[in-house]
PDB file of N, CA and C in Angstrom:
ATOM      1  N   MET A   1       0.651  -1.340  -0.080  1.00  0.00           N
ATOM      2  CA  MET A   1       0.011  -0.070  -0.100  1.00  0.00           C
ATOM      3  C   MET A   1       0.987   1.602  -0.048  1.00  0.00           C
ATOM      4  N   LYS A   2       0.767   2.185  -0.714  1.00  0.00           N
ATOM      5  CA  LYS A   2       1.769   3.370  -0.895  1.00  0.00           C
ATOM      6  C   LYS A   2       0.490   4.110  -0.168  1.00  0.00           C
ATOM      7  N   LYS A   3       1.561   5.275   0.614  1.00  0.00           N
ATOM      8  CA  LYS A   3       1.831   6.226   1.126  1.00  0.00           C
ATOM      9  C   LYS A   3       1.345   7.872   0.523  1.00  0.00           C
ATOM     10  N   PRO A   4       0.266   8.487   0.568  1.00  0.00           N
ATOM     11  CA  PRO A   4      -0.311   9.322  -0.157  1.00  0.00           C
ATOM     12  C   PRO A   4       1.161  10.784   0.173  1.00  0.00           C
ATOM     13  N   LYS A   5       1.144  11.251  -0.702  1.00  0.00           N
ATOM     14  CA  LYS A   5       1.939  12.176  -0.975  1.00  0.00           C
ATOM     15  C   LYS A   5       1.693  13.558   0.120  1.00  0.00           C
ATOM     16  N   THR A   6       2.241  14.126   0.894  1.00  0.00           N
ATOM     17  CA  THR A   6       1.958  14.654   1.921  1.00  0.00           C
ATOM     18  C   THR A   6       2.614  15.942   1.332  1.00  0.00           C
ATOM     19  N   THR A   7       2.198  17.074   1.127  1.00  0.00           N
ATOM     20  CA  THR A   7       2.832  18.413   0.479  1.00  0.00           C
ATOM     21  C   THR A   7       3.319  19.262   1.804  1.00  0.00           C
ATOM     22  N   PHE A   8       3.383  18.989   3.274  1.00  0.00           N
ATOM     23  CA  PHE A   8       3.431  19.937   3.863  1.00  0.00           C
ATOM     24  C   PHE A   8       3.984  18.712   5.315  1.00  0.00           C
ATOM     25  N   GLY A   9       5.435  18.994   5.225  1.00  0.00           N
ATOM     26  CA  GLY A   9       6.319  18.253   5.647  1.00  0.00           C
ATOM     27  C   GLY A   9       5.946  17.877   7.476  1.00  0.00           C
ATOM     28  N   ARG A  10       6.140  16.672   7.909  1.00  0.00           N
ATOM     29  CA  ARG A  10       6.185  16.633   9.342  1.00  0.00           C
ATOM     30  C   ARG A  10       6.809  17.781  10.486  1.00  0.00           C
ATOM     31  N   ARG A  11       8.547  17.535   9.968  1.00  0.00           N
ATOM     32  CA  ARG A  11       9.413  18.529  10.223  1.00  0.00           C
ATOM     33  C   ARG A  11       9.048  19.837  10.072  1.00  0.00           C
ATOM     34  N   ALA A  12       8.406  19.999   8.877  1.00  0.00           N
ATOM     35  CA  ALA A  12       8.626  21.917   8.878  1.00  0.00           C
ATOM     36  C   ALA A  12       7.202  21.596   9.721  1.00  0.00           C
ATOM     37  N   PHE A  13       6.248  21.192   9.776  1.00  0.00           N
ATOM     38  CA  PHE A  13       5.303  21.391  10.515  1.00  0.00           C
ATOM     39  C   PHE A  13       5.322  21.822  12.234  1.00  0.00           C
ATOM     40  N   LEU A  14       6.709  20.990  12.549  1.00  0.00           N
ATOM     41  CA  LEU A  14       6.928  21.094  14.079  1.00  0.00           C
ATOM     42  C   LEU A  14       7.743  22.123  13.967  1.00  0.00           C
ATOM     43  N   ARG A  15       8.358  22.235  13.084  1.00  0.00           N
ATOM     44  CA  ARG A  15       9.256  23.812  13.038  1.00  0.00           C
ATOM     45  C   ARG A  15       8.562  24.680  13.083  1.00  0.00           C
ATOM     46  N   THR A  16       7.457  24.811  12.401  1.00  0.00           N
ATOM     47  CA  THR A  16       6.980  25.997  12.291  1.00  0.00           C
ATOM     48  C   THR A  16       6.064  26.388  13.869  1.00  0.00           C
ATOM     49  N   LEU A  17       5.241  25.001  14.582  1.00  0.00           N
ATOM     50  CA  LEU A  17       4.946  25.010  15.563  1.00  0.00           C
ATOM     51  C   LEU A  17       5.948  25.589  16.661  1.00  0.00           C
ATOM     52  N   GLY A  18       6.954  25.550  16.848  1.00  0.00           N
ATOM     53  CA  GLY A  18       7.989  25.754  17.577  1.00  0.00           C
ATOM     54  C   GLY A  18       8.573  26.950  17.411  1.00  0.00           C
ATOM     55  N   GLY A  19       8.233  27.723  16.270  1.00  0.00           N
ATOM     56  CA  GLY A  19       8.950  29.144  16.610  1.00  0.00           C
ATOM     57  C   GLY A  19       7.680  29.765  16.750  1.00  0.00           C
ATOM     58  N   GLY A  20       6.308  29.680  16.523  1.00  0.00           N
ATOM     59  CA  GLY A  20       5.188  30.169  17.417  1.00  0.00           C
ATOM     60  C   GLY A  20       4.975  30.118  18.627  1.00  0.00           C
ATOM     61  N   VAL A  21       5.570  28.895  19.267  1.00  0.00           N
ATOM     62  CA  VAL A  21       5.720  28.603  20.793  1.00  0.00           C
ATOM     63  C   VAL A  21       6.869  29.794  21.470  1.00  0.00           C
ATOM     64  N   VAL A  22       7.911  29.927  21.117  1.00  0.00           N
ATOM     65  CA  VAL A  22       9.052  30.520  21.461  1.00  0.00           C
ATOM     66  C   VAL A  22       8.671  31.607  21.088  1.00  0.00           C
ATOM     67  N   GLY A  23       8.319  32.532  20.065  1.00  0.00           N
ATOM     68  CA  GLY A  23       7.517  33.573  20.106  1.00  0.00           C
ATOM     69  C   GLY A  23       6.818  33.947  21.151  1.00  0.00           C
ATOM     70  N   GLY A  24       6.058  33.595  21.012  1.00  0.00           N
ATOM     71  CA  GLY A  24       4.715  33.979  21.891  1.00  0.00           C
ATOM     72  C   GLY A  24       5.215  33.480  23.726  1.00  0.00           C
ATOM     73  N   GLY A  25       6.384  32.831  23.979  1.00  0.00           N
ATOM     74  CA  GLY A  25       6.854  32.996  25.392  1.00  0.00           C
ATOM     75  C   GLY A  25       8.365  34.180  25.783  1.00  0.00           C
ATOM     76  N   ALA A  26       8.568  34.747  24.523  1.00  0.00           N
ATOM     77  CA  ALA A  26       9.046  35.788  24.448  1.00  0.00           C
ATOM     78  C   ALA A  26       8.357  37.051  24.786  1.00  0.00           C
ATOM     79  N   THR A  27       6.995  37.452  23.926  1.00  0.00           N
ATOM     80  CA  THR A  27       6.036  38.303  23.775  1.00  0.00           C
ATOM     81  C   THR A  27       6.057  38.310  25.483  1.00  0.00           C
ATOM     82  N   TRP A  28       5.565  36.991  26.143  1.00  0.00           N
ATOM     83  CA  TRP A  28       5.413  36.919  27.500  1.00  0.00           C
ATOM     84  C   TRP A  28       5.468  37.247  28.797  1.00  0.00           C
ATOM     85  N   ALA A  29       6.941  36.986  28.408  1.00  0.00           N
ATOM     86  CA  ALA A  29       8.231  37.190  29.322  1.00  0.00           C
ATOM     87  C   ALA A  29       8.666  39.253  29.216  1.00  0.00           C
ATOM     88  N   ALA A  30       8.434  39.231  27.999  1.00  0.00           N
ATOM     89  CA  ALA A  30       8.482  40.769  27.869  1.00  0.00           C
ATOM     90  C   ALA A  30       7.327  41.939  28.514  1.00  0.00           C
ATOM     91  N   GLY A  31       6.416  41.130  28.307  1.00  0.00           N
ATOM     92  CA  GLY A  31       5.109  41.971  29.224  1.00  0.00           C
ATOM     93  C   GLY A  31       5.066  41.472  30.629  1.00  0.00           C
ATOM     94  N   GLN A  32       5.786  40.845  30.903  1.00  0.00           N
ATOM     95  CA  GLN A  32       5.921  40.151  32.435  1.00  0.00           C
ATOM     96  C   GLN A  32       7.081  41.303  33.117  1.00  0.00           C
ATOM     97  N   LEU A  33       8.251  41.684  32.358  1.00  0.00           N
ATOM     98  CA  LEU A  33       9.121  42.596  32.843  1.00  0.00           C
ATOM     99  C   LEU A  33       8.648  43.912  32.692  1.00  0.00           C
ATOM    100  N   THR A  34       8.298  43.937  31.625  1.00  0.00           N
ATOM    101  CA  THR A  34       7.682  45.596  32.180  1.00  0.00           C
ATOM    102  C   THR A  34       6.409  46.088  32.745  1.00  0.00           C
ATOM    103  N   GLY A  35       5.537  45.463  33.752  1.00  0.00           N
ATOM    104  CA  GLY A  35       4.965  45.248  34.350  1.00  0.00           C
ATOM    105  C   GLY A  35       4.759  45.600  35.902  1.00  0.00           C
ATOM    106  N   GLU A  36       4.682  46.370  36.409  1.00  0.00           N
ATOM    107  CA  GLU A  36       4.678  46.272  37.630  1.00  0.00           C
ATOM    108  C   GLU A  36       4.838  45.229  39.418  1.00  0.00           C
ATOM    109  N   ALA A  37       5.413  45.146  39.462  1.00  0.00           N
ATOM    110  CA  ALA A  37       5.933  44.008  40.586  1.00  0.00           C
ATOM    111  C   ALA A  37       4.577  44.039  41.949  1.00  0.00           C
ATOM    112  N   SER A  38       3.484  43.727  41.610  1.00  0.00           N
ATOM    113  CA  SER A  38       2.745  43.947  42.928  1.00  0.00           C
ATOM    114  C   SER A  38       2.525  42.945  44.140  1.00  0.00           C
ATOM    115  N   ALA A  39       3.796  41.333  43.474  1.00  0.00           N
ATOM    116  CA  ALA A  39       3.851  40.895  44.946  1.00  0.00           C
ATOM    117  C   ALA A  39       4.917  41.631  46.139  1.00  0.00           C
ATOM    118  N   LEU A  40       5.397  42.265  45.940  1.00  0.00           N
ATOM    119  CA  LEU A  40       6.251  42.885  46.484  1.00  0.00           C
ATOM    120  C   LEU A  40       5.956  43.716  48.125  1.00  0.00           C
ATOM    121  N   PRO A  41       6.235  43.656  49.065  1.00  0.00           N
ATOM    122  CA  PRO A  41       5.751  44.222  50.265  1.00  0.00           C
ATOM    123  C   PRO A  41       5.666  45.988  49.918  1.00  0.00           C
ATOM    124  N   ALA A  42       4.999  46.543  50.844  1.00  0.00           N
ATOM    125  CA  ALA A  42       4.124  47.589  50.935  1.00  0.00           C
ATOM    126  C   ALA A  42       5.376  48.700  51.497  1.00  0.00           C
ATOM    127  N   SER A  43       5.624  48.019  52.866  1.00  0.00           N
ATOM    128  CA  SER A  43       5.859  48.674  53.298  1.00  0.00           C
ATOM    129  C   SER A  43       7.398  48.400  54.071  1.00  0.00           C
ATOM    130  N   TYR A  44       8.154  48.880  55.151  1.00  0.00           N
ATOM    131  CA  TYR A  44       9.355  48.316  55.825  1.00  0.00           C
ATOM    132  C   TYR A  44       8.862  47.801  56.952  1.00  0.00           C
ATOM    133  N   GLN A  45       7.711  47.707  57.953  1.00  0.00           N
ATOM    134  CA  GLN A  45       6.834  47.371  58.608  1.00  0.00           C
ATOM    135  C   GLN A  45       6.390  45.474  58.069  1.00  0.00           C
ATOM    136  N   ASP A  46       6.049  45.323  56.358  1.00  0.00           N
ATOM    137  CA  ASP A  46       5.583  44.613  56.130  1.00  0.00           C
ATOM    138  C   ASP A  46       6.583  43.782  55.814  1.00  0.00           C
ATOM    139  N   ARG A  47       7.412  44.074  55.354  1.00  0.00           N
ATOM    140  CA  ARG A  47       9.146  43.129  54.669  1.00  0.00           C
ATOM    141  C   ARG A  47       9.896  42.726  56.053  1.00  0.00           C
ATOM    142  N   ARG A  48       9.373  43.159  57.431  1.00  0.00           N
ATOM    143  CA  ARG A  48      10.296  42.522  58.696  1.00  0.00           C
ATOM    144  C   ARG A  48       8.956  41.774  59.710  1.00  0.00           C
ATOM    145  N   LYS A  49       7.767  41.423  59.051  1.00  0.00           N
ATOM    146  CA  LYS A  49       6.995  40.705  59.508  1.00  0.00           C
ATOM    147  C   LYS A  49       7.404  39.069  59.561  1.00  0.00           C
ATOM    148  N   ALA A  50       7.464  38.929  60.394  1.00  0.00           N
ATOM    149  CA  ALA A  50       7.744  37.086  60.362  1.00  0.00           C
ATOM    150  C   ALA A  50       6.311  36.265  58.948  1.00  0.00           C
ATOM    151  N   ALA A  51       6.728  35.441  58.124  1.00  0.00           N
ATOM    152  CA  ALA A  51       5.779  34.804  56.801  1.00  0.00           C
ATOM    153  C   ALA A  51       5.376  33.649  57.854  1.00  0.00           C
ATOM    154  N   TYR A  52       5.958  33.119  58.941  1.00  0.00           N
ATOM    155  CA  TYR A  52       5.591  31.342  59.407  1.00  0.00           C
ATOM    156  C   TYR A  52       4.608  32.408  60.887  1.00  0.00           C
ATOM    157  N   GLN A  53       3.196  32.047  60.463  1.00  0.00           N
ATOM    158  CA  GLN A  53       2.366  32.334  61.601  1.00  0.00           C
ATOM    159  C   GLN A  53       2.042  31.362  61.914  1.00  0.00           C
ATOM    160  N   PRO A  54       2.405  30.832  63.245  1.00  0.00           N
ATOM    161  CA  PRO A  54       2.264  29.700  64.152  1.00  0.00           C
ATOM    162  C   PRO A  54       0.518  29.139  64.789  1.00  0.00           C
ATOM    163  N   ASN A  55      -0.061  30.446  64.704  1.00  0.00           N
ATOM    164  CA  ASN A  55      -1.439  30.414  65.138  1.00  0.00           C
ATOM    165  C   ASN A  55      -2.554  30.036  63.791  1.00  0.00           C
ATOM    166  N   SER A  56      -1.522  29.782  62.599  1.00  0.00           N
ATOM    167  CA  SER A  56      -2.660  29.929  61.260  1.00  0.00           C
ATOM    168  C   SER A  56      -3.212  28.716  61.143  1.00  0.00           C
ATOM    169  N   PRO A  57      -4.372  28.967  60.664  1.00  0.00           N
ATOM    170  CA  PRO A  57      -5.278  27.435  60.963  1.00  0.00           C
ATOM    171  C   PRO A  57      -4.368  26.019  59.594  1.00  0.00           C
ATOM    172  N   GLU A  58      -3.828  26.915  59.058  1.00  0.00           N
ATOM    173  CA  GLU A  58      -3.122  25.889  58.008  1.00  0.00           C
ATOM    174  C   GLU A  58      -1.903  25.430  58.663  1.00  0.00           C
ATOM    175  N   VAL A  59      -1.366  26.135  59.424  1.00  0.00           N
ATOM    176  CA  VAL A  59      -0.034  25.295  60.632  1.00  0.00           C
ATOM    177  C   VAL A  59      -0.634  24.554  61.756  1.00  0.00           C
ATOM    178  N   GLN A  60      -1.921  24.873  62.303  1.00  0.00           N
ATOM    179  CA  GLN A  60      -2.488  23.933  63.244  1.00  0.00           C
ATOM    180  C   GLN A  60      -2.606  22.820  62.446  1.00  0.00           C
ATOM    181  N   ASN A  61      -3.302  22.528  61.413  1.00  0.00           N
ATOM    182  CA  ASN A  61      -4.079  21.896  60.748  1.00  0.00           C
ATOM    183  C   ASN A  61      -3.009  21.002  60.006  1.00  0.00           C
ATOM    184  N   PHE A  62      -1.494  21.043  60.152  1.00  0.00           N
ATOM    185  CA  PHE A  62      -0.458  20.258  59.896  1.00  0.00           C
ATOM    186  C   PHE A  62      -0.557  19.443  60.896  1.00  0.00           C
ATOM    187  N   TYR A  63       0.197  20.487  62.181  1.00  0.00           N
ATOM    188  CA  TYR A  63       0.245  19.447  62.816  1.00  0.00           C
ATOM    189  C   TYR A  63      -0.886  18.247  63.792  1.00  0.00           C
ATOM    190  N   ARG A  64      -2.110  19.105  63.425  1.00  0.00           N
ATOM    191  CA  ARG A  64      -3.269  18.216  63.916  1.00  0.00           C
ATOM    192  C   ARG A  64      -3.011  16.325  62.897  1.00  0.00           C
ATOM    193  N   VAL A  65      -2.803  16.637  61.740  1.00  0.00           N
ATOM    194  CA  VAL A  65      -2.623  15.443  60.916  1.00  0.00           C
ATOM    195  C   VAL A  65      -1.671  15.106  60.408  1.00  0.00           C
ATOM    196  N   ASN A  66      -0.126  15.054  61.528  1.00  0.00           N
ATOM    197  CA  ASN A  66       0.744  14.427  61.858  1.00  0.00           C
ATOM    198  C   ASN A  66       0.936  14.391  62.594  1.00  0.00           C
ATOM    199  N   ARG A  67      -0.093  14.072  63.670  1.00  0.00           N
ATOM    200  CA  ARG A  67      -0.756  13.398  65.178  1.00  0.00           C
ATOM    201  C   ARG A  67      -0.902  11.918  65.102  1.00  0.00           C
ATOM    202  N   TYR A  68      -1.636  12.444  63.482  1.00  0.00           N
ATOM    203  CA  TYR A  68      -2.429  10.342  63.642  1.00  0.00           C
ATOM    204  C   TYR A  68      -0.857   9.758  63.944  1.00  0.00           C
ATOM    205  N   PRO A  69      -2.097   8.585  64.015  1.00  0.00           N
ATOM    206  CA  PRO A  69      -1.041   7.107  63.922  1.00  0.00           C
ATOM    207  C   PRO A  69      -0.173   6.526  62.807  1.00  0.00           C
ATOM    208  N   ALA A  70       0.611   6.270  62.373  1.00  0.00           N
ATOM    209  CA  ALA A  70       1.448   5.736  61.272  1.00  0.00           C
ATOM    210  C   ALA A  70       0.751   4.628  60.865  1.00  0.00           C
ATOM    211  N   THR A  71      -0.002   4.092  60.017  1.00  0.00           N
ATOM    212  CA  THR A  71      -0.532   3.143  59.109  1.00  0.00           C
ATOM    213  C   THR A  71       0.527   2.649  58.301  1.00  0.00           C
ATOM    214  N   LYS A  72       0.346   1.010  58.522  1.00  0.00           N
ATOM    215  CA  LYS A  72       1.464   0.288  57.774  1.00  0.00           C
ATOM    216  C   LYS A  72       0.798  -0.520  56.885  1.00  0.00           C
TER     217      LYS A  72
END
């Protein structure tokens, strides 16, 4: 059985697809670099505040769950 002749090769297709991904990624990265960093703390006091909060619900839940007996 003969394979039909393709006019657009697999390698050419993947090369075109890869070029679009790289170009799109570069555009996204450039947009991220020019934007203002909104995740930075607003003041000096916020930077000095401890990130670990021992009484937070997440931390209490972590230690509560880790007290469960080990299953074998």
